[in-house]
Amino acid sequence: MEWKPFEEKIWLSSPTMHGEELKYVTEAYETNWMSTVGANINEIERITCEKVGRKYAVALSSGTAALHLAVKLAGVKPGDKVFCSDMTFDATVNPVVYEGGVPVFIDTERDTWNMDPVALEKAFELYPDVKVVVLAHLYGTPGKVDELRAVCDKHGAVMVEDAAESLGAAYKGAQTGTFGKYSCISFNGNKIITGSSGGMLLTDDLHAANKARKWSTQARENAPWYQHEELGYNYRMSNVIAGVVRGQYPHLEEHIAQKKAIYMRYQEGLQDLPVTMNPYDAEHSEPNFWLSCLLINEEAMCRQVRSETEALYVSEPGKSCPTEILETLARYHAEGRPVWKPMHMQPMYHMNPFVGTQGYMRARTNACIAGGAEDVGADIFSRGLCLPSDNKMTPEQQDRIIEIIKGCFA
């Protein structure tokens, strides 16, 4: 059946506003607290600590700013190697480079699409002096936290937790954002709740929280003039942005429920196709289902080739590929995206070390120097895609999207 394009575009994940946001933004305007101090900032720091379960929160201009200060607090110095999630957005990794560190990428495991604990242990065998691990929870799904933390503790390494995508997700009853010595969340426009921008650094260390707060306001000293004794940054969140976040917070659980319903509807509607949804450990974790993703079975992949910036495919009966599905959805005014391209495949990082379960792996190949290793992240990137996951999408619109995807396999 040939469907007509959607009259209004179906987005991957756009902001869902409710009205309370305007109340707090207006309050900032009317009281003239428009800069980086004010009641909205104070309140969202309090709410975040309460909801996530941390002692201290520092509201910042972005999740990336939070990650940068977390890496700095963790003590990364120029030349230090840092173990990082491989399959993630580059904002997870770039702050390591801001401090002069050298990212070492750890391959992905299939159960949650997050950092593989076995590969992390192998990395410590290769680089025993590493003292910082940056872990991301992909698409709102917690990683294997206990196993990863056990490896970090065994080797005396600090865990920096990138929970930018996973606010509201839980692992064994504890919220993501509580597992790192320093943890970070994001309020970017596409996240589960938004401020249009903004982020938060979380810690249980008062000294670290105060240090981050100082650094985020250009590291001004307590003096009657502008006194500076160390490098600072313009990273503090504005009271206006904080007003948007403050108005969003009461709707966090509502958004998660809507996202979960979307995931479950895709899972049921696509069950007859040779595909699987992005996985999670249902026994131990509850994702926030930020994005619903699809992985096409290997035998059901049509021929697809990608350069650094373009992709081509050859349509085959009964088969499909991410490029075909994404291009087809786009023709009907629905937005999907490829899954995150692994960091070791990125041109700017292709010379960095990359470690899998069997040891050191050559960047941008499926081969291991010792032989027999699989590049899991590259495989998921080849066969995976993010589906339209906007929580304003109606069940009827999602049903059409499901039928469009089925048509790609006809």
Protein backbone atom coordinates (compact mmCIF):
# COMPACT_ATOMS: atom_id res chain seq x y z
CA MET A 1 0.00 0.00 0.00
CA GLU A 2 1.30 3.47 -0.91
CA TRP A 3 0.93 5.92 1.95
CA LYS A 4 0.64 9.69 1.58
CA PRO A 5 3.37 11.72 3.31
CA PHE A 6 2.54 12.92 6.81
CA GLU A 7 1.03 16.40 6.75
CA GLU A 8 3.22 17.44 9.67
CA LYS A 9 6.71 16.03 10.03
CA ILE A 10 7.18 13.21 12.53
CA TRP A 11 10.35 14.03 14.42
CA LEU A 12 12.96 11.74 15.90
CA SER A 13 12.62 13.38 19.33
CA SER A 14 11.54 16.99 19.61
CA PRO A 15 10.81 19.07 22.72
CA THR A 16 7.43 18.43 24.36
CA MET A 17 6.31 21.58 26.15
CA HIS A 18 3.51 21.88 28.69
CA GLY A 19 3.09 25.50 29.78
CA GLU A 20 4.71 25.53 33.21
CA GLU A 21 7.99 26.33 31.49
CA LEU A 22 6.67 29.75 30.44
CA LYS A 23 5.64 30.51 34.02
CA TYR A 24 9.19 30.15 35.32
CA VAL A 25 10.79 31.89 32.32
CA THR A 26 8.39 34.80 32.85
CA GLU A 27 9.28 34.82 36.53
CA ALA A 28 12.97 35.19 35.61
CA TYR A 29 12.08 38.03 33.24
CA GLU A 30 9.80 39.89 35.63
CA THR A 31 12.24 39.65 38.55
CA ASN A 32 15.14 40.54 36.21
CA TRP A 33 17.16 37.45 37.20
CA MET A 34 18.20 36.80 33.60
CA SER A 35 21.83 35.80 34.13
CA THR A 36 23.54 32.86 35.82
CA VAL A 37 22.01 33.24 39.28
CA GLY A 38 18.42 32.95 40.41
CA ALA A 39 15.66 30.86 41.95
CA ASN A 40 15.22 28.64 38.91
CA ILE A 41 18.84 27.49 39.00
CA ASN A 42 18.69 26.82 42.72
CA GLU A 43 15.48 24.87 42.38
CA ILE A 44 16.52 22.59 39.51
CA GLU A 45 19.74 21.75 41.34
CA ARG A 46 17.62 20.75 44.35
CA ILE A 47 15.11 18.79 42.24
CA THR A 48 17.85 16.96 40.36
CA CYS A 49 19.54 15.84 43.58
CA GLU A 50 16.19 14.66 44.91
CA LYS A 51 15.12 12.79 41.78
CA VAL A 52 18.45 11.20 40.91
CA GLY A 53 19.73 10.59 44.42
CA ARG A 54 22.93 12.65 44.60
CA LYS A 55 24.06 15.10 47.27
CA TYR A 56 25.18 17.92 44.98
CA ALA A 57 24.29 19.22 41.53
CA VAL A 58 25.83 22.04 39.49
CA ALA A 59 23.69 23.48 36.68
CA LEU A 60 25.74 24.14 33.56
CA SER A 61 25.27 25.41 30.01
CA SER A 62 25.34 21.94 28.43
CA GLY A 63 25.93 18.27 29.09
CA THR A 64 29.26 18.68 27.30
CA ALA A 65 30.30 21.39 29.76
CA ALA A 66 29.37 19.03 32.60
CA LEU A 67 31.47 16.26 31.08
CA HIS A 68 34.41 18.62 30.60
CA LEU A 69 34.38 19.66 34.25
CA ALA A 70 33.92 16.03 35.32
CA VAL A 71 36.99 15.00 33.33
CA LYS A 72 38.92 17.89 34.86
CA LEU A 73 37.78 16.92 38.37
CA ALA A 74 38.86 13.33 37.66
CA GLY A 75 42.40 14.63 37.21
CA VAL A 76 43.02 13.98 33.51
CA LYS A 77 46.29 15.59 32.46
CA PRO A 78 47.94 16.05 29.03
CA GLY A 79 49.10 12.70 27.68
CA ASP A 80 46.94 10.61 30.05
CA LYS A 81 45.12 7.73 28.42
CA VAL A 82 41.42 7.53 29.30
CA PHE A 83 39.12 4.58 28.59
CA CYS A 84 35.94 5.74 26.83
CA SER A 85 32.74 4.24 25.49
CA ASP A 86 33.22 3.68 21.77
CA MET A 87 29.64 3.69 20.51
CA THR A 88 28.42 7.12 21.61
CA PHE A 89 28.12 10.75 20.54
CA ASP A 90 31.48 12.51 20.38
CA ALA A 91 30.50 14.85 23.23
CA THR A 92 31.25 11.90 25.53
CA VAL A 93 34.84 11.80 24.31
CA ASN A 94 35.83 15.32 23.26
CA PRO A 95 36.20 16.65 26.85
CA VAL A 96 39.03 14.17 27.37
CA VAL A 97 40.85 15.85 24.50
CA TYR A 98 40.03 19.32 25.87
CA GLU A 99 42.24 18.38 28.84
CA GLY A 100 44.96 16.92 26.60
CA GLY A 101 44.03 13.30 27.34
CA VAL A 102 44.14 10.45 24.83
CA PRO A 103 40.88 8.49 24.45
CA VAL A 104 41.24 4.71 24.29
CA PHE A 105 37.99 3.27 22.94
CA ILE A 106 36.38 0.23 24.52
CA ASP A 107 34.17 -1.92 22.29
CA THR A 108 30.45 -2.42 22.80
CA GLU A 109 28.59 -5.44 24.19
CA ARG A 110 25.41 -6.66 22.52
CA ASP A 111 23.17 -7.00 25.59
CA THR A 112 22.75 -3.25 26.17
CA TRP A 113 24.86 -1.64 23.38
CA ASN A 114 27.11 -0.13 26.05
CA MET A 115 30.77 -0.50 27.10
CA ASP A 116 31.80 -4.16 27.33
CA PRO A 117 33.16 -5.06 30.81
CA VAL A 118 35.27 -7.88 29.36
CA ALA A 119 36.87 -5.47 26.88
CA LEU A 120 37.41 -2.96 29.69
CA GLU A 121 39.32 -5.56 31.73
CA LYS A 122 41.37 -6.40 28.65
CA ALA A 123 42.16 -2.70 28.22
CA PHE A 124 43.55 -2.52 31.78
CA GLU A 125 45.81 -5.46 30.94
CA LEU A 126 47.17 -3.42 28.03
CA TYR A 127 47.24 -0.04 29.80
CA PRO A 128 47.46 -0.72 33.58
CA ASP A 129 48.25 2.91 34.46
CA VAL A 130 44.89 4.32 33.27
CA LYS A 131 42.98 5.97 36.12
CA VAL A 132 39.81 7.36 34.46
CA VAL A 133 36.96 5.59 32.64
CA VAL A 134 34.23 7.56 30.83
CA LEU A 135 31.08 5.45 30.51
CA ALA A 136 27.94 6.40 28.53
CA HIS A 137 24.45 4.89 28.86
CA LEU A 138 23.30 4.66 25.23
CA TYR A 139 19.81 5.73 24.14
CA GLY A 140 18.60 5.78 27.75
CA THR A 141 19.59 2.17 28.51
CA PRO A 142 21.86 1.56 31.51
CA GLY A 143 25.09 -0.32 30.89
CA LYS A 144 26.29 -3.31 32.94
CA VAL A 145 27.06 -1.03 35.85
CA ASP A 146 28.05 -3.59 38.50
CA GLU A 147 30.50 -5.36 36.21
CA LEU A 148 31.99 -2.13 34.88
CA ARG A 149 32.32 -0.60 38.34
CA ALA A 150 33.95 -3.78 39.66
CA VAL A 151 36.62 -3.51 36.95
CA CYS A 152 37.17 0.18 37.74
CA ASP A 153 37.43 -0.50 41.48
CA LYS A 154 39.84 -3.39 40.91
CA HIS A 155 42.21 -1.08 39.05
CA GLY A 156 41.67 2.03 41.17
CA ALA A 157 40.08 4.01 38.35
CA VAL A 158 37.59 6.86 38.65
CA MET A 159 34.33 6.42 36.74
CA VAL A 160 32.93 9.46 34.94
CA GLU A 161 29.32 8.63 34.08
CA ASP A 162 27.75 10.14 30.97
CA ALA A 163 24.04 9.86 31.74
CA ALA A 164 23.16 12.58 29.22
CA GLU A 165 20.63 10.33 27.45
CA SER A 166 19.40 8.35 30.45
CA LEU A 167 17.82 10.74 32.97
CA GLY A 168 15.13 8.75 34.81
CA ALA A 169 16.54 5.34 33.85
CA ALA A 170 17.40 2.93 36.65
CA TYR A 171 19.74 -0.02 37.25
CA LYS A 172 18.89 -2.36 40.15
CA GLY A 173 16.63 0.32 41.60
CA ALA A 174 19.20 3.14 41.51
CA GLN A 175 19.01 5.99 39.01
CA THR A 176 21.65 6.46 36.37
CA GLY A 177 23.62 9.51 37.41
CA THR A 178 24.47 7.92 40.77
CA PHE A 179 27.14 5.48 39.62
CA GLY A 180 30.07 7.70 38.71
CA LYS A 181 32.22 9.65 41.11
CA TYR A 182 31.19 12.43 38.76
CA SER A 183 28.05 12.06 36.64
CA CYS A 184 26.49 14.22 33.95
CA ILE A 185 23.05 14.69 32.43
CA SER A 186 21.80 16.77 29.51
CA PHE A 187 18.79 19.01 28.93
CA ASN A 188 19.44 19.43 25.20
CA GLY A 189 16.42 20.02 22.98
CA ASN A 190 15.98 16.37 22.02
CA LYS A 191 16.38 14.84 25.50
CA ILE A 192 13.71 13.25 27.72
CA ILE A 193 13.16 16.66 29.33
CA THR A 194 14.70 19.83 27.96
CA GLY A 195 15.76 23.36 28.70
CA SER A 196 16.50 23.88 24.97
CA SER A 197 20.08 23.48 26.19
CA GLY A 198 21.77 22.93 29.53
CA GLY A 199 23.28 20.16 31.57
CA MET A 200 24.09 19.11 35.14
CA LEU A 201 27.16 17.79 36.94
CA LEU A 202 26.34 15.44 39.84
CA THR A 203 28.57 14.30 42.69
CA ASP A 204 28.51 13.40 46.38
CA ASP A 205 31.71 15.40 46.98
CA LEU A 206 31.01 18.93 48.24
CA HIS A 207 34.54 20.12 47.48
CA ALA A 208 34.23 18.88 43.88
CA ALA A 209 30.82 20.53 43.45
CA ASN A 210 32.17 23.84 44.71
CA LYS A 211 35.21 23.52 42.46
CA ALA A 212 33.01 22.89 39.41
CA ARG A 213 30.76 25.82 40.32
CA LYS A 214 33.80 28.09 40.58
CA TRP A 215 35.33 26.89 37.32
CA SER A 216 32.00 27.37 35.54
CA THR A 217 31.97 31.09 36.39
CA GLN A 218 35.45 31.91 35.05
CA ALA A 219 37.16 30.76 38.27
CA ARG A 220 36.74 34.09 39.98
CA GLU A 221 38.34 34.30 43.41
CA ASN A 222 36.63 35.71 46.49
CA ALA A 223 38.06 39.19 46.16
CA PRO A 224 36.55 42.68 45.69
CA TRP A 225 37.95 42.79 42.15
CA TYR A 226 38.20 40.26 39.33
CA GLN A 227 40.92 38.00 40.68
CA HIS A 228 41.86 34.82 38.77
CA GLU A 229 44.36 32.20 39.92
CA GLU A 230 43.37 29.31 37.65
CA LEU A 231 41.71 28.70 34.31
CA GLY A 232 37.94 29.09 34.27
CA TYR A 233 35.06 28.73 31.81
CA ASN A 234 31.78 30.42 30.94
CA TYR A 235 29.79 27.26 31.68
CA ARG A 236 27.10 28.24 34.21
CA MET A 237 23.46 27.73 33.21
CA SER A 238 21.30 30.81 32.81
CA ASN A 239 18.30 31.34 35.07
CA VAL A 240 16.10 31.55 31.95
CA ILE A 241 17.13 28.12 30.67
CA ALA A 242 16.74 26.79 34.19
CA GLY A 243 13.16 28.04 34.13
CA VAL A 244 12.40 25.82 31.15
CA VAL A 245 13.96 22.82 32.89
CA ARG A 246 12.04 23.62 36.08
CA GLY A 247 8.77 23.55 34.17
CA GLN A 248 9.71 20.28 32.46
CA TYR A 249 10.68 18.29 35.56
CA PRO A 250 7.12 17.49 36.72
CA HIS A 251 6.61 15.70 33.38
CA LEU A 252 9.68 13.43 33.47
CA GLU A 253 7.81 10.27 34.42
CA GLU A 254 5.04 11.09 31.94
CA HIS A 255 7.59 11.43 29.11
CA ILE A 256 9.27 8.16 30.08
CA ALA A 257 5.90 6.35 30.03
CA GLN A 258 5.16 7.76 26.57
CA LYS A 259 8.59 6.76 25.27
CA LYS A 260 8.17 3.24 26.67
CA ALA A 261 4.78 2.91 24.97
CA ILE A 262 6.40 3.87 21.66
CA TYR A 263 9.14 1.25 22.14
CA MET A 264 6.64 -1.49 23.00
CA ARG A 265 4.41 -0.58 20.05
CA TYR A 266 7.38 -0.89 17.67
CA GLN A 267 8.39 -4.18 19.28
CA GLU A 268 4.94 -5.65 18.75
CA GLY A 269 4.32 -4.14 15.32
CA LEU A 270 7.67 -5.26 13.86
CA GLN A 271 7.82 -8.71 15.45
CA ASP A 272 7.25 -10.51 12.14
CA LEU A 273 10.21 -8.81 10.47
CA PRO A 274 13.83 -10.06 10.62
CA VAL A 275 14.75 -7.30 13.10
CA THR A 276 15.22 -6.73 16.82
CA MET A 277 14.85 -3.64 19.00
CA ASN A 278 17.72 -2.05 20.94
CA PRO A 279 18.14 -4.44 23.89
CA TYR A 280 18.10 -3.95 27.65
CA ASP A 281 18.35 -6.11 30.76
CA ALA A 282 14.70 -6.33 31.81
CA GLU A 283 15.61 -8.12 35.05
CA HIS A 284 17.98 -5.48 36.37
CA SER A 285 17.29 -2.22 34.55
CA GLU A 286 14.51 0.08 33.48
CA PRO A 287 15.53 2.35 30.58
CA ASN A 288 13.94 5.73 29.94
CA PHE A 289 13.39 4.54 26.33
CA TRP A 290 14.63 7.88 24.98
CA LEU A 291 15.05 6.50 21.45
CA SER A 292 13.65 3.32 19.94
CA CYS A 293 16.23 1.67 17.70
CA LEU A 294 16.13 -1.17 15.20
CA LEU A 295 18.78 -3.77 14.36
CA ILE A 296 18.32 -5.68 11.11
CA ASN A 297 19.26 -9.36 11.17
CA GLU A 298 22.49 -10.02 9.31
CA GLU A 299 20.87 -12.36 6.77
CA ALA A 300 18.16 -9.77 6.04
CA MET A 301 20.57 -6.97 5.09
CA CYS A 302 20.53 -5.83 1.49
CA ARG A 303 23.79 -4.55 0.05
CA GLN A 304 24.79 -1.22 1.57
CA VAL A 305 28.00 0.79 1.33
CA ARG A 306 28.96 3.96 3.19
CA SER A 307 31.67 6.52 2.57
CA GLU A 308 32.55 9.08 5.22
CA THR A 309 29.56 11.24 4.25
CA GLU A 310 27.29 9.28 1.89
CA ALA A 311 25.55 5.92 1.63
CA LEU A 312 24.26 3.75 -1.20
CA TYR A 313 22.24 0.54 -1.20
CA VAL A 314 20.84 -2.00 -3.64
CA SER A 315 17.23 -2.94 -2.95
CA GLU A 316 16.61 -6.68 -2.65
CA PRO A 317 13.27 -8.52 -2.19
CA GLY A 318 12.71 -9.56 1.42
CA LYS A 319 15.70 -7.55 2.63
CA SER A 320 16.46 -3.99 3.64
CA CYS A 321 19.14 -1.84 5.30
CA PRO A 322 19.29 1.30 7.45
CA THR A 323 19.87 3.53 4.43
CA GLU A 324 16.78 2.27 2.61
CA ILE A 325 14.55 2.56 5.68
CA LEU A 326 15.78 6.05 6.59
CA GLU A 327 15.44 7.34 3.04
CA THR A 328 11.96 5.84 2.77
CA LEU A 329 10.84 7.36 6.07
CA ALA A 330 12.21 10.74 4.95
CA ARG A 331 10.06 10.59 1.80
CA TYR A 332 7.02 10.35 4.06
CA HIS A 333 8.21 13.25 6.27
CA ALA A 334 9.32 11.08 9.17
CA GLU A 335 12.74 11.54 10.78
CA GLY A 336 14.99 8.64 11.71
CA ARG A 337 18.77 8.53 12.04
CA PRO A 338 21.65 6.08 11.89
CA VAL A 339 22.82 4.85 15.28
CA TRP A 340 25.91 6.54 16.66
CA LYS A 341 28.93 5.89 14.48
CA PRO A 342 31.57 4.40 16.80
CA MET A 343 34.34 6.75 17.82
CA HIS A 344 37.11 4.46 16.54
CA MET A 345 35.57 4.81 13.05
CA GLN A 346 35.58 8.61 13.14
CA PRO A 347 38.29 10.27 11.01
CA MET A 348 39.49 12.44 13.91
CA TYR A 349 39.96 9.41 16.17
CA HIS A 350 40.85 6.59 13.78
CA MET A 351 44.44 6.44 15.04
CA ASN A 352 43.44 6.13 18.70
CA PRO A 353 43.71 2.74 20.41
CA PHE A 354 40.60 0.55 20.24
CA VAL A 355 40.19 -2.48 22.52
CA GLY A 356 37.79 -5.41 22.17
CA THR A 357 37.28 -8.56 24.19
CA GLN A 358 40.32 -10.20 22.59
CA GLY A 359 42.64 -7.25 22.99
CA TYR A 360 43.88 -4.43 20.81
CA MET A 361 41.94 -4.05 17.56
CA ARG A 362 42.85 -2.22 14.40
CA ALA A 363 40.74 0.90 14.00
CA ARG A 364 38.01 0.81 11.36
CA THR A 365 38.24 -2.92 10.66
CA ASN A 366 36.72 -6.06 12.09
CA ALA A 367 40.13 -7.62 12.59
CA CYS A 368 42.09 -8.02 15.77
CA ILE A 369 45.87 -8.22 15.72
CA ALA A 370 45.61 -11.44 17.72
CA GLY A 371 42.87 -12.65 15.37
CA GLY A 372 39.32 -13.80 15.95
CA ALA A 373 37.84 -10.62 17.45
CA GLU A 374 34.61 -8.98 16.42
CA ASP A 375 34.06 -5.23 16.16
CA VAL A 376 30.61 -5.13 17.78
CA GLY A 377 30.13 -1.35 17.52
CA ALA A 378 30.88 -1.32 13.80
CA ASP A 379 28.43 -4.15 13.25
CA ILE A 380 25.63 -2.37 15.13
CA PHE A 381 26.37 0.82 13.20
CA SER A 382 26.14 -1.10 9.92
CA ARG A 383 22.79 -2.74 10.71
CA GLY A 384 21.15 -0.33 13.15
CA LEU A 385 19.00 2.79 12.97
CA CYS A 386 17.02 5.09 15.28
CA LEU A 387 13.29 5.16 14.62
CA PRO A 388 10.97 8.16 14.99
CA SER A 389 10.51 8.32 18.77
CA ASP A 390 8.76 11.61 19.36
CA ASN A 391 6.32 11.32 22.26
CA LYS A 392 3.82 13.56 20.46
CA MET A 393 3.50 10.94 17.72
CA THR A 394 0.04 9.36 17.82
CA PRO A 395 -0.48 5.57 17.79
CA GLU A 396 -2.06 5.95 14.35
CA GLN A 397 0.99 7.78 13.03
CA GLN A 398 3.27 5.14 14.50
CA ASP A 399 1.19 2.39 12.92
CA ARG A 400 1.78 4.04 9.54
CA ILE A 401 5.51 4.20 10.21
CA ILE A 402 5.47 0.48 11.06
CA GLU A 403 3.73 -0.28 7.77
CA ILE A 404 6.24 1.85 5.87
CA ILE A 405 9.10 -0.12 7.43
CA LYS A 406 7.38 -3.39 6.56
CA GLY A 407 7.15 -2.18 2.97
CA CYS A 408 10.95 -1.88 2.83
CA PHE A 409 11.19 -5.66 3.38
CA ALA A 410 8.49 -6.57 0.82
